[in-house]
């Protein structure tokens, strides 16, 4: 009976050792998988941030071009209005002289 008990305990220890080894391997595999997922998420986040930065830069440049064009158009309009006003004033002055 002592031999049977000893053999049973020995078999149980071997089984536990085998289970423990699988747990360590499973934990290591799970850790590798988690690390890969984290790395993939980091790459995705970095790409999203870079894309957002590119879009913001493009929007800023587009706004700057639009603002420059609007400023130039306003300057041309103002110059035209000033020239027209000067011509009108000059015409009125000539009329006043002739009276």
Protein backbone atom coordinates (compact mmCIF):
# COMPACT_ATOMS: atom_id res chain seq x y z
CA UNK A 1 0.00 0.00 0.00
CA UNK A 2 2.86 2.34 0.76
CA UNK A 3 4.26 1.75 -2.72
CA UNK A 4 0.89 2.47 -4.33
CA UNK A 5 0.47 5.65 -2.34
CA UNK A 6 4.00 6.72 -3.16
CA UNK A 7 3.42 6.01 -6.85
CA UNK A 8 0.15 7.91 -6.79
CA UNK A 9 1.76 10.90 -5.14
CA UNK A 10 4.63 10.69 -7.63
CA UNK A 11 2.20 10.57 -10.55
CA UNK A 12 0.28 13.52 -9.13
CA UNK A 13 3.51 15.53 -8.79
CA UNK A 14 4.47 14.71 -12.38
CA UNK A 15 1.01 15.81 -13.53
CA UNK A 16 1.24 19.03 -11.53
CA UNK A 17 4.70 19.72 -12.90
CA UNK A 18 3.35 19.22 -16.42
CA UNK A 19 0.44 21.57 -15.76
CA UNK A 20 2.70 24.16 -14.24
CA UNK A 21 4.97 24.08 -17.28
CA UNK A 22 2.01 24.63 -19.59
CA UNK A 23 0.88 27.54 -17.46
CA UNK A 24 4.31 29.18 -17.70
CA UNK A 25 4.35 28.60 -21.47
CA UNK A 26 0.78 29.86 -21.80
CA UNK A 27 1.61 32.94 -19.74
CA UNK A 28 4.66 33.62 -21.89
CA UNK A 29 2.60 33.20 -25.06
CA UNK A 30 -0.11 35.47 -23.70
CA UNK A 31 2.52 38.06 -22.82
CA UNK A 32 4.01 37.90 -26.33
CA UNK A 33 0.53 38.32 -27.80
CA UNK A 34 -0.25 41.25 -25.49
CA UNK A 35 3.06 42.91 -26.41
CA UNK A 36 2.29 42.48 -30.11
CA UNK A 37 -1.18 43.97 -29.65
CA UNK A 38 0.26 46.93 -27.72
CA UNK A 39 2.87 47.51 -30.40
CA UNK A 40 0.22 47.39 -33.12
CA UNK A 41 -1.96 49.84 -31.19
CA UNK A 42 1.02 52.18 -30.72
CA UNK A 43 1.80 52.09 -34.44
CA UNK A 44 -1.84 52.78 -35.28
CA UNK A 45 -2.01 55.66 -32.81
CA UNK A 46 1.23 57.16 -34.13
CA UNK A 47 -0.04 56.91 -37.71
CA UNK A 48 -3.33 58.52 -36.73
CA UNK A 49 -1.50 61.36 -34.98
CA UNK A 50 0.77 61.89 -37.97
CA UNK A 51 -2.22 61.92 -40.32
CA UNK A 52 -3.98 64.46 -38.10
CA UNK A 53 -0.84 66.63 -38.06
CA UNK A 54 -0.59 66.48 -41.85
CA UNK A 55 -4.25 67.40 -42.21
CA UNK A 56 -3.91 70.30 -39.76
CA UNK A 57 -0.82 71.56 -41.56
CA UNK A 58 -2.60 71.34 -44.91
CA UNK A 59 -5.64 73.14 -43.51
CA UNK A 60 -3.42 75.85 -42.05
CA UNK A 61 -1.60 76.30 -45.35
CA UNK A 62 -4.91 76.40 -47.24
CA UNK A 63 -6.21 79.02 -44.82
CA UNK A 64 -3.04 81.06 -45.23
CA UNK A 65 -3.36 80.96 -49.04
CA UNK A 66 -7.06 81.87 -48.82
CA UNK A 67 -6.32 84.76 -46.44
CA UNK A 68 -3.52 86.03 -48.68
CA UNK A 69 -5.83 85.92 -51.70
CA UNK A 70 -8.60 87.72 -49.81
CA UNK A 71 -6.15 90.38 -48.65
CA UNK A 72 -4.84 90.89 -52.17
CA UNK A 73 -8.39 91.08 -53.54
CA UNK A 74 -9.32 93.66 -50.88
CA UNK A 75 -6.23 95.70 -51.71
CA UNK A 76 -7.10 95.67 -55.43
CA UNK A 77 -10.72 96.61 -54.67
CA UNK A 78 -9.63 99.44 -52.36
CA UNK A 79 -7.16 100.74 -54.94
CA UNK A 80 -9.89 100.71 -57.58
CA UNK A 81 -12.33 102.49 -55.28
CA UNK A 82 -9.69 105.09 -54.41
CA UNK A 83 -8.85 105.66 -58.08
CA UNK A 84 -12.54 105.97 -58.97
CA UNK A 85 -13.08 108.41 -56.12
CA UNK A 86 -10.08 110.45 -57.25
CA UNK A 87 -11.43 110.55 -60.80
CA UNK A 88 -14.86 111.61 -59.53
CA UNK A 89 -13.32 114.32 -57.37
CA UNK A 90 -11.18 115.52 -60.26
CA UNK A 91 -14.23 115.64 -62.54
CA UNK A 92 -16.22 117.60 -59.95
CA UNK A 93 -13.34 120.04 -59.51
CA UNK A 94 -13.16 120.59 -63.26
CA UNK A 95 -16.92 121.22 -63.38
CA UNK A 96 -16.67 123.71 -60.54
CA UNK A 97 -13.88 125.61 -62.34
CA UNK A 98 -15.87 125.85 -65.51
CA UNK A 99 -18.88 127.37 -63.76
